[in-house]
């Protein structure tokens, strides 16, 4: 005959009560329900839940990396194109200055259509934009420098006559 199993304390082990079919079915349903509700909630990918850190402050929420910068971007970049053109023109003229002799550079400046156009507008009494005025001043300063290098002197006594001579020289008439 078989001896009943004994527990660690020496007493006979209590016999496990058999579960009825109904109890077994209920436990199986509970396990199935728990398994079914495992994982993320529906829509959690499109609408992630924001988690807050300790203290419950709203500023410490975990930010979604898919959301980009909120910095406004200008749709029309007219303001930025003008300085870029000026920088390119300055860089281009600096390269040309290194390659051209003073005589060639002076001849090129004298025959520049933009310079002629701006001088005509200035003579007719128009006011030039800041960009055009700056370019014109730089071009006239460069012409003065080149004329000094080449030894071409203009009389300082007659300022008006000198300006007219310079305009006439630049126009090539």
N, C-alpha and C. Protein backbone atom coordinates (compact mmCIF):
# COMPACT_ATOMS: atom_id res chain seq x y z
N UNK A 1 0.80 -1.17 0.00
CA UNK A 1 0.00 0.00 0.00
C UNK A 1 0.86 1.26 0.00
N UNK A 2 0.30 2.29 -0.61
CA UNK A 2 1.05 3.52 -0.76
C UNK A 2 0.87 4.39 0.44
N UNK A 3 1.93 5.00 0.82
CA UNK A 3 1.89 5.93 1.93
C UNK A 3 1.54 7.32 1.40
N UNK A 4 0.72 8.09 2.10
CA UNK A 4 0.41 9.45 1.63
C UNK A 4 1.67 10.33 1.70
N UNK A 5 1.75 11.29 0.78
CA UNK A 5 2.91 12.20 0.74
C UNK A 5 2.89 13.11 1.94
N UNK A 6 4.09 13.39 2.45
CA UNK A 6 4.19 14.20 3.65
C UNK A 6 4.81 15.56 3.32
N UNK A 7 4.35 16.58 4.00
CA UNK A 7 4.88 17.93 3.83
C UNK A 7 6.18 18.05 4.58
N UNK A 8 6.85 19.20 4.49
CA UNK A 8 8.14 19.44 5.13
C UNK A 8 8.04 19.39 6.64
N UNK A 9 6.86 19.71 7.20
CA UNK A 9 6.74 19.73 8.65
C UNK A 9 6.38 18.34 9.21
N UNK A 10 6.24 17.36 8.37
CA UNK A 10 5.98 16.02 8.83
C UNK A 10 4.52 15.64 8.83
N UNK A 11 3.63 16.53 8.60
CA UNK A 11 2.21 16.23 8.57
C UNK A 11 1.82 15.76 7.18
N UNK A 12 0.79 15.00 7.07
CA UNK A 12 0.38 14.58 5.73
C UNK A 12 -0.10 15.78 4.91
N UNK A 13 0.24 15.80 3.61
CA UNK A 13 -0.11 16.91 2.72
C UNK A 13 -1.61 16.92 2.49
N UNK A 14 -2.16 18.15 2.40
CA UNK A 14 -3.59 18.28 2.17
C UNK A 14 -3.87 17.90 0.73
N UNK A 15 -4.95 17.22 0.56
CA UNK A 15 -5.31 16.78 -0.76
C UNK A 15 -5.93 17.94 -1.54
N UNK A 16 -5.48 18.15 -2.78
CA UNK A 16 -5.99 19.23 -3.59
C UNK A 16 -7.41 18.92 -4.00
N UNK A 17 -8.25 19.92 -3.88
CA UNK A 17 -9.65 19.75 -4.24
C UNK A 17 -9.75 19.80 -5.75
N UNK A 18 -10.47 18.92 -6.33
CA UNK A 18 -10.64 18.89 -7.77
C UNK A 18 -11.59 20.00 -8.18
N UNK A 19 -11.23 20.68 -9.30
CA UNK A 19 -12.08 21.75 -9.78
C UNK A 19 -13.15 21.15 -10.70
N UNK A 20 -14.26 21.79 -10.64
CA UNK A 20 -15.33 21.34 -11.52
C UNK A 20 -15.08 21.85 -12.93
N UNK A 21 -15.80 21.30 -13.89
CA UNK A 21 -15.65 21.69 -15.28
C UNK A 21 -15.99 23.17 -15.45
N UNK A 22 -16.94 23.66 -14.70
CA UNK A 22 -17.36 25.06 -14.79
C UNK A 22 -16.25 26.00 -14.32
N UNK A 23 -15.57 25.67 -13.25
CA UNK A 23 -14.47 26.50 -12.75
C UNK A 23 -13.31 26.52 -13.74
N UNK A 24 -13.01 25.36 -14.32
CA UNK A 24 -11.92 25.28 -15.29
C UNK A 24 -12.23 26.15 -16.51
N UNK A 25 -13.48 26.10 -16.95
CA UNK A 25 -13.89 26.93 -18.09
C UNK A 25 -13.79 28.42 -17.77
N UNK A 26 -14.17 28.82 -16.57
CA UNK A 26 -14.09 30.23 -16.16
C UNK A 26 -12.64 30.71 -16.15
N UNK A 27 -11.74 29.89 -15.61
CA UNK A 27 -10.33 30.27 -15.57
C UNK A 27 -9.76 30.41 -17.00
N UNK A 28 -10.17 29.50 -17.87
CA UNK A 28 -9.69 29.56 -19.26
C UNK A 28 -10.18 30.84 -19.94
N UNK A 29 -11.43 31.21 -19.68
CA UNK A 29 -11.96 32.45 -20.26
C UNK A 29 -11.21 33.66 -19.73
N UNK A 30 -10.89 33.68 -18.45
CA UNK A 30 -10.13 34.80 -17.86
C UNK A 30 -8.73 34.92 -18.49
N UNK A 31 -8.06 33.75 -18.67
CA UNK A 31 -6.73 33.78 -19.31
C UNK A 31 -6.83 34.31 -20.74
N UNK A 32 -7.87 33.86 -21.45
CA UNK A 32 -8.04 34.31 -22.83
C UNK A 32 -8.31 35.81 -22.88
N UNK A 33 -9.11 36.33 -21.99
CA UNK A 33 -9.42 37.76 -21.94
C UNK A 33 -8.15 38.57 -21.64
N UNK A 34 -7.33 38.08 -20.70
CA UNK A 34 -6.08 38.78 -20.38
C UNK A 34 -5.12 38.79 -21.57
N UNK A 35 -5.06 37.70 -22.30
CA UNK A 35 -4.19 37.62 -23.47
C UNK A 35 -4.67 38.57 -24.56
N UNK A 36 -5.97 38.66 -24.72
CA UNK A 36 -6.55 39.48 -25.77
C UNK A 36 -6.23 40.96 -25.55
N UNK A 37 -6.16 41.42 -24.35
CA UNK A 37 -5.96 42.84 -24.04
C UNK A 37 -4.48 43.19 -23.84
N UNK A 38 -3.61 42.33 -24.28
CA UNK A 38 -2.19 42.61 -24.19
C UNK A 38 -1.77 43.52 -25.35
N UNK A 39 -0.78 44.41 -25.18
CA UNK A 39 -0.28 45.25 -26.28
C UNK A 39 -0.81 46.67 -26.19
N UNK A 40 -0.61 47.40 -27.28
CA UNK A 40 -1.00 48.81 -27.33
C UNK A 40 -2.48 48.96 -27.66
N UNK A 41 -3.03 50.08 -27.24
CA UNK A 41 -4.42 50.39 -27.55
C UNK A 41 -4.55 50.74 -29.02
N UNK A 42 -5.72 50.59 -29.58
CA UNK A 42 -5.92 50.91 -30.98
C UNK A 42 -5.72 52.41 -31.20
N UNK A 43 -5.07 52.77 -32.30
CA UNK A 43 -4.80 54.17 -32.61
C UNK A 43 -3.62 54.75 -31.88
N UNK A 44 -2.88 53.94 -31.14
CA UNK A 44 -1.76 54.48 -30.34
C UNK A 44 -0.60 54.91 -31.23
N UNK A 45 -0.52 54.39 -32.44
CA UNK A 45 0.56 54.79 -33.32
C UNK A 45 0.32 56.19 -33.89
N UNK A 46 -0.91 56.46 -34.25
CA UNK A 46 -1.24 57.78 -34.81
C UNK A 46 -1.37 58.84 -33.72
N UNK A 47 -1.87 58.44 -32.58
CA UNK A 47 -2.07 59.40 -31.47
C UNK A 47 -1.34 58.88 -30.23
N UNK A 48 -0.02 59.09 -30.18
CA UNK A 48 0.72 58.55 -29.04
C UNK A 48 0.33 59.25 -27.75
N UNK A 49 0.36 58.49 -26.70
CA UNK A 49 0.01 59.02 -25.39
C UNK A 49 1.21 59.78 -24.85
N UNK A 50 1.01 61.00 -24.36
CA UNK A 50 2.12 61.79 -23.82
C UNK A 50 2.31 61.40 -22.37
N UNK A 51 3.54 61.11 -22.05
CA UNK A 51 3.85 60.72 -20.68
C UNK A 51 4.46 61.91 -19.95
N UNK A 52 4.09 62.09 -18.73
CA UNK A 52 4.68 63.18 -17.94
C UNK A 52 5.62 62.57 -16.92
N UNK A 53 6.65 63.31 -16.58
CA UNK A 53 7.60 62.81 -15.59
C UNK A 53 7.10 63.13 -14.19
N UNK A 54 7.93 62.86 -13.22
CA UNK A 54 7.54 63.09 -11.82
C UNK A 54 7.21 64.55 -11.59
N UNK A 55 6.27 64.80 -10.78
CA UNK A 55 5.88 66.16 -10.47
C UNK A 55 4.69 66.60 -11.30
N UNK A 56 4.41 65.91 -12.37
CA UNK A 56 3.23 66.22 -13.18
C UNK A 56 3.33 67.50 -13.98
N UNK A 57 4.53 68.03 -14.19
CA UNK A 57 4.66 69.25 -14.96
C UNK A 57 4.48 68.93 -16.45
N UNK A 58 3.88 69.83 -17.16
CA UNK A 58 3.61 69.61 -18.58
C UNK A 58 4.85 69.82 -19.45
N UNK A 59 5.82 70.59 -18.98
CA UNK A 59 7.00 70.89 -19.78
C UNK A 59 7.94 69.69 -19.91
N UNK A 60 7.83 68.72 -19.03
CA UNK A 60 8.73 67.58 -19.04
C UNK A 60 8.17 66.40 -19.81
N UNK A 61 7.20 66.63 -20.68
CA UNK A 61 6.62 65.53 -21.44
C UNK A 61 7.63 65.03 -22.46
N UNK A 62 7.51 63.77 -22.79
CA UNK A 62 8.37 63.18 -23.80
C UNK A 62 7.88 63.65 -25.15
N UNK A 63 8.75 64.27 -25.93
CA UNK A 63 8.34 64.85 -27.20
C UNK A 63 8.44 63.80 -28.30
N UNK A 64 7.52 63.90 -29.23
CA UNK A 64 7.48 62.99 -30.35
C UNK A 64 8.57 63.39 -31.34
N UNK A 65 9.48 62.50 -31.70
CA UNK A 65 10.57 62.88 -32.61
C UNK A 65 10.10 63.13 -34.04
N UNK A 66 8.87 62.74 -34.37
CA UNK A 66 8.38 62.93 -35.73
C UNK A 66 7.95 64.37 -35.98
N UNK A 67 7.75 65.13 -34.93
CA UNK A 67 7.30 66.51 -35.08
C UNK A 67 8.53 67.39 -35.25
N UNK A 68 8.55 68.17 -36.31
CA UNK A 68 9.72 68.98 -36.64
C UNK A 68 9.72 70.33 -35.97
N UNK A 69 10.51 71.21 -36.52
CA UNK A 69 10.68 72.55 -35.97
C UNK A 69 9.43 73.39 -36.19
N UNK A 70 9.16 74.28 -35.27
CA UNK A 70 8.03 75.20 -35.38
C UNK A 70 8.46 76.56 -35.91
N UNK A 71 9.72 76.67 -36.33
CA UNK A 71 10.25 77.94 -36.81
C UNK A 71 9.56 78.29 -38.13
N UNK A 72 9.01 79.49 -38.26
CA UNK A 72 8.33 79.85 -39.50
C UNK A 72 9.32 79.99 -40.65
N UNK A 73 8.88 79.57 -41.82
CA UNK A 73 9.72 79.62 -43.02
C UNK A 73 9.03 80.52 -44.03
N UNK A 74 9.77 81.49 -44.56
CA UNK A 74 9.21 82.41 -45.55
C UNK A 74 9.01 81.66 -46.86
N UNK A 75 7.83 81.78 -47.43
CA UNK A 75 7.55 81.10 -48.68
C UNK A 75 8.17 81.82 -49.87
N UNK A 76 8.32 83.12 -49.77
CA UNK A 76 8.95 83.90 -50.83
C UNK A 76 10.23 84.47 -50.26
N UNK A 77 11.35 84.10 -50.82
CA UNK A 77 12.65 84.48 -50.27
C UNK A 77 13.27 85.62 -51.08
N UNK A 78 12.51 86.71 -51.29
CA UNK A 78 13.04 87.83 -52.05
C UNK A 78 14.12 88.57 -51.29
N UNK A 79 13.97 88.68 -49.97
CA UNK A 79 14.94 89.43 -49.16
C UNK A 79 16.28 88.74 -49.14
N UNK A 80 16.28 87.41 -49.20
CA UNK A 80 17.53 86.69 -49.10
C UNK A 80 18.23 86.55 -50.44
N UNK A 81 17.51 86.67 -51.54
CA UNK A 81 18.16 86.50 -52.84
C UNK A 81 19.04 87.68 -53.20
N UNK A 82 18.65 88.88 -52.81
CA UNK A 82 19.43 90.06 -53.15
C UNK A 82 20.83 90.03 -52.53
N UNK A 83 20.98 89.74 -51.22
CA UNK A 83 22.33 89.69 -50.67
C UNK A 83 23.17 88.57 -51.29
N UNK A 84 22.54 87.47 -51.66
CA UNK A 84 23.29 86.38 -52.27
C UNK A 84 23.85 86.82 -53.61
N UNK A 85 23.06 87.58 -54.38
CA UNK A 85 23.53 88.06 -55.67
C UNK A 85 24.68 89.04 -55.47
N UNK A 86 24.56 89.91 -54.47
CA UNK A 86 25.60 90.89 -54.21
C UNK A 86 26.89 90.18 -53.80
N UNK A 87 26.77 89.15 -52.96
CA UNK A 87 27.95 88.41 -52.52
C UNK A 87 28.62 87.74 -53.71
N UNK A 88 27.81 87.14 -54.61
CA UNK A 88 28.37 86.49 -55.79
C UNK A 88 29.06 87.52 -56.68
N UNK A 89 28.44 88.70 -56.84
CA UNK A 89 29.02 89.74 -57.68
C UNK A 89 30.32 90.24 -57.08
N UNK A 90 30.36 90.40 -55.78
CA UNK A 90 31.58 90.87 -55.12
C UNK A 90 32.67 89.82 -55.25
N UNK A 91 32.32 88.54 -55.07
CA UNK A 91 33.31 87.49 -55.19
C UNK A 91 33.82 87.40 -56.63
N UNK A 92 32.91 87.54 -57.58
CA UNK A 92 33.28 87.48 -58.99
C UNK A 92 34.19 88.66 -59.35
N UNK A 93 33.85 89.85 -58.86
CA UNK A 93 34.67 91.02 -59.18
C UNK A 93 36.04 90.92 -58.51
N UNK A 94 36.11 90.28 -57.34
CA UNK A 94 37.40 90.11 -56.68
C UNK A 94 38.30 89.19 -57.49
N UNK A 95 37.72 88.17 -58.09
CA UNK A 95 38.50 87.26 -58.92
C UNK A 95 38.96 87.98 -60.17
N UNK A 96 38.06 88.79 -60.77
CA UNK A 96 38.41 89.51 -61.97
C UNK A 96 39.48 90.56 -61.70
N UNK A 97 39.42 91.17 -60.50
CA UNK A 97 40.43 92.17 -60.16
C UNK A 97 41.81 91.55 -60.15
N UNK A 98 41.90 90.32 -59.69
CA UNK A 98 43.20 89.67 -59.61
C UNK A 98 43.73 89.34 -60.99
N UNK A 99 42.84 89.06 -61.94
CA UNK A 99 43.26 88.64 -63.27
C UNK A 99 43.54 89.81 -64.21
N UNK A 100 42.78 90.89 -64.09
CA UNK A 100 42.86 91.98 -65.05
C UNK A 100 43.93 92.99 -64.66
N UNK A 101 44.52 93.57 -65.65
CA UNK A 101 45.45 94.67 -65.40
C UNK A 101 44.61 95.91 -65.11
N UNK A 102 45.21 96.95 -64.52
CA UNK A 102 44.43 98.15 -64.21
C UNK A 102 43.80 98.79 -65.45
N UNK A 103 44.54 98.77 -66.58
CA UNK A 103 43.99 99.36 -67.81
C UNK A 103 42.75 98.60 -68.27
N UNK A 104 42.85 97.26 -68.23
CA UNK A 104 41.72 96.43 -68.67
C UNK A 104 40.52 96.62 -67.74
N UNK A 105 40.80 96.66 -66.44
CA UNK A 105 39.70 96.83 -65.48
C UNK A 105 39.02 98.18 -65.65
N UNK A 106 39.80 99.22 -65.88
CA UNK A 106 39.23 100.56 -66.09
C UNK A 106 38.39 100.58 -67.36
N UNK A 107 38.88 99.95 -68.42
CA UNK A 107 38.12 99.90 -69.68
C UNK A 107 36.81 99.13 -69.48
N UNK A 108 36.89 98.07 -68.71
CA UNK A 108 35.68 97.27 -68.46
C UNK A 108 34.66 98.07 -67.66
N UNK A 109 35.12 98.79 -66.65
CA UNK A 109 34.21 99.61 -65.85
C UNK A 109 33.62 100.75 -66.68
N UNK A 110 34.40 101.31 -67.57
CA UNK A 110 33.89 102.41 -68.40
C UNK A 110 32.81 101.93 -69.36
N UNK A 111 32.90 100.69 -69.80
CA UNK A 111 31.94 100.15 -70.75
C UNK A 111 30.81 99.36 -70.08
N UNK A 112 30.72 99.42 -68.79
CA UNK A 112 29.70 98.65 -68.06
C UNK A 112 28.31 99.24 -68.32
N UNK A 113 27.37 98.46 -68.87
CA UNK A 113 26.03 99.01 -69.14
C UNK A 113 25.24 99.36 -67.87
N UNK A 114 25.48 98.62 -66.82
CA UNK A 114 24.76 98.92 -65.57
C UNK A 114 25.20 100.28 -65.03
N UNK A 115 26.50 100.53 -65.09
CA UNK A 115 27.02 101.81 -64.62
C UNK A 115 26.45 102.95 -65.45
N UNK A 116 26.41 102.76 -66.78
CA UNK A 116 25.84 103.79 -67.65
C UNK A 116 24.38 104.05 -67.31
N UNK A 117 23.64 102.99 -67.12
CA UNK A 117 22.21 103.11 -66.80
C UNK A 117 22.01 103.86 -65.48
N UNK A 118 22.79 103.49 -64.47
CA UNK A 118 22.64 104.15 -63.16
C UNK A 118 23.05 105.62 -63.23
N UNK A 119 24.09 105.92 -64.00
CA UNK A 119 24.50 107.32 -64.13
C UNK A 119 23.45 108.14 -64.87
N UNK A 120 22.83 107.54 -65.90
CA UNK A 120 21.75 108.24 -66.62
C UNK A 120 20.57 108.51 -65.68
N UNK A 121 20.22 107.52 -64.89
CA UNK A 121 19.11 107.70 -63.95
C UNK A 121 19.43 108.77 -62.92
N UNK A 122 20.68 108.80 -62.47
CA UNK A 122 21.10 109.79 -61.47
C UNK A 122 21.08 111.19 -62.07
N UNK A 123 21.51 111.33 -63.32
CA UNK A 123 21.50 112.63 -63.98
C UNK A 123 20.09 113.14 -64.21
N UNK A 124 19.15 112.20 -64.45
CA UNK A 124 17.77 112.63 -64.70
C UNK A 124 17.04 112.98 -63.41
N UNK A 125 17.67 112.79 -62.27
CA UNK A 125 17.09 113.21 -61.01
C UNK A 125 16.39 112.10 -60.24
N UNK A 126 16.48 110.86 -60.71
CA UNK A 126 15.85 109.75 -59.97
C UNK A 126 16.66 109.43 -58.72
N UNK A 127 15.97 108.89 -57.73
CA UNK A 127 16.66 108.42 -56.53
C UNK A 127 16.88 106.92 -56.71
N UNK A 128 18.07 106.48 -56.41
CA UNK A 128 18.43 105.07 -56.58
C UNK A 128 18.15 104.30 -55.30
N UNK A 129 17.96 102.99 -55.46
CA UNK A 129 17.78 102.15 -54.28
C UNK A 129 19.11 102.05 -53.54
N UNK A 130 19.06 101.57 -52.32
CA UNK A 130 20.27 101.49 -51.51
C UNK A 130 21.29 100.55 -52.14
N UNK A 131 20.80 99.45 -52.71
CA UNK A 131 21.70 98.49 -53.34
C UNK A 131 22.37 99.10 -54.57
N UNK A 132 21.58 99.78 -55.42
CA UNK A 132 22.13 100.41 -56.61
C UNK A 132 23.10 101.53 -56.25
N UNK A 133 22.74 102.32 -55.25
CA UNK A 133 23.60 103.43 -54.83
C UNK A 133 24.92 102.90 -54.28
N UNK A 134 24.86 101.82 -53.50
CA UNK A 134 26.08 101.23 -52.97
C UNK A 134 26.97 100.69 -54.08
N UNK A 135 26.36 100.05 -55.06
CA UNK A 135 27.13 99.51 -56.17
C UNK A 135 27.77 100.65 -56.98
N UNK A 136 27.00 101.69 -57.21
CA UNK A 136 27.50 102.84 -57.97
C UNK A 136 28.68 103.50 -57.24
N UNK A 137 28.54 103.71 -55.94
CA UNK A 137 29.62 104.32 -55.16
C UNK A 137 30.88 103.46 -55.21
N UNK A 138 30.70 102.14 -55.08
CA UNK A 138 31.86 101.24 -55.12
C UNK A 138 32.53 101.28 -56.49
N UNK A 139 31.73 101.30 -57.54
CA UNK A 139 32.29 101.34 -58.89
C UNK A 139 33.03 102.65 -59.13
N UNK A 140 32.46 103.77 -58.71
CA UNK A 140 33.13 105.07 -58.91
C UNK A 140 34.40 105.17 -58.07
N UNK A 141 34.38 104.61 -56.85
CA UNK A 141 35.59 104.60 -56.03
C UNK A 141 36.69 103.78 -56.69
N UNK A 142 36.28 102.65 -57.26
CA UNK A 142 37.27 101.79 -57.93
C UNK A 142 37.84 102.50 -59.16
N UNK A 143 37.00 103.21 -59.88
CA UNK A 143 37.49 103.96 -61.05
C UNK A 143 38.49 105.02 -60.60
N UNK A 144 38.20 105.71 -59.48
CA UNK A 144 39.15 106.70 -58.96
C UNK A 144 40.48 106.05 -58.60
N UNK A 145 40.44 104.89 -57.95
CA UNK A 145 41.67 104.19 -57.57
C UNK A 145 42.48 103.81 -58.81
N UNK A 146 41.78 103.28 -59.81
CA UNK A 146 42.48 102.86 -61.03
C UNK A 146 43.08 104.06 -61.76
N UNK A 147 42.36 105.18 -61.78
CA UNK A 147 42.88 106.37 -62.43
C UNK A 147 44.12 106.89 -61.70
N UNK A 148 44.13 106.80 -60.38
CA UNK A 148 45.31 107.22 -59.61
C UNK A 148 46.48 106.29 -59.90
N UNK A 149 46.21 104.97 -59.99
CA UNK A 149 47.28 104.01 -60.27
C UNK A 149 47.89 104.27 -61.65
N UNK A 150 47.03 104.60 -62.60
CA UNK A 150 47.51 104.80 -63.97
C UNK A 150 48.07 106.20 -64.20
N UNK A 151 47.90 107.07 -63.22
CA UNK A 151 48.43 108.42 -63.34
C UNK A 151 47.51 109.36 -64.08
N UNK A 152 46.27 108.99 -64.23
CA UNK A 152 45.31 109.88 -64.87
C UNK A 152 44.76 110.78 -63.78
N UNK A 153 45.01 112.10 -63.94
CA UNK A 153 44.61 113.04 -62.89
C UNK A 153 43.49 113.92 -63.41
N UNK A 154 42.60 114.24 -62.51
CA UNK A 154 41.51 115.16 -62.83
C UNK A 154 41.69 116.38 -61.94
N UNK A 155 41.32 117.54 -62.45
CA UNK A 155 41.48 118.77 -61.69
C UNK A 155 40.49 118.79 -60.54
N UNK A 156 41.00 119.05 -59.33
CA UNK A 156 40.15 119.12 -58.15
C UNK A 156 39.51 120.49 -58.00
N UNK A 157 40.03 121.49 -58.71
CA UNK A 157 39.51 122.85 -58.58
C UNK A 157 38.08 122.93 -59.11
N UNK A 158 37.84 122.29 -60.15
CA UNK A 158 36.52 122.37 -60.77
C UNK A 158 35.79 121.05 -60.52
N UNK A 159 35.07 120.97 -59.40
CA UNK A 159 34.38 119.73 -59.04
C UNK A 159 33.29 119.38 -60.02
N UNK A 160 32.51 120.37 -60.42
CA UNK A 160 31.43 120.10 -61.36
C UNK A 160 31.99 119.67 -62.70
N UNK A 161 33.03 120.34 -63.15
CA UNK A 161 33.65 120.00 -64.43
C UNK A 161 34.24 118.59 -64.36
N UNK A 162 34.80 118.23 -63.21
CA UNK A 162 35.39 116.91 -63.05
C UNK A 162 34.32 115.82 -63.12
N UNK A 163 33.20 116.07 -62.48
CA UNK A 163 32.12 115.08 -62.53
C UNK A 163 31.59 114.91 -63.94
N UNK A 164 31.43 116.03 -64.65
CA UNK A 164 30.97 115.95 -66.03
C UNK A 164 31.97 115.21 -66.90
N UNK A 165 33.26 115.47 -66.67
CA UNK A 165 34.28 114.77 -67.45
C UNK A 165 34.26 113.27 -67.15
N UNK A 166 34.05 112.94 -65.88
CA UNK A 166 34.01 111.53 -65.52
C UNK A 166 32.80 110.86 -66.15
N UNK A 167 31.66 111.51 -66.11
CA UNK A 167 30.46 110.94 -66.74
C UNK A 167 30.68 110.77 -68.24
N UNK A 168 31.28 111.80 -68.86
CA UNK A 168 31.52 111.73 -70.29
C UNK A 168 32.54 110.63 -70.60
N UNK A 169 33.55 110.49 -69.78
CA UNK A 169 34.57 109.45 -69.96
C UNK A 169 33.95 108.07 -69.79
N UNK A 170 33.09 107.96 -68.80
CA UNK A 170 32.45 106.67 -68.55
C UNK A 170 31.48 106.29 -69.63
N UNK A 171 30.77 107.27 -70.16
CA UNK A 171 29.81 107.00 -71.22
C UNK A 171 30.52 106.70 -72.54
N UNK A 172 31.74 107.15 -72.65
CA UNK A 172 32.50 106.91 -73.86
C UNK A 172 32.15 107.83 -75.00
N UNK A 173 31.58 109.00 -74.67
CA UNK A 173 31.20 109.94 -75.74
C UNK A 173 32.22 111.02 -75.91
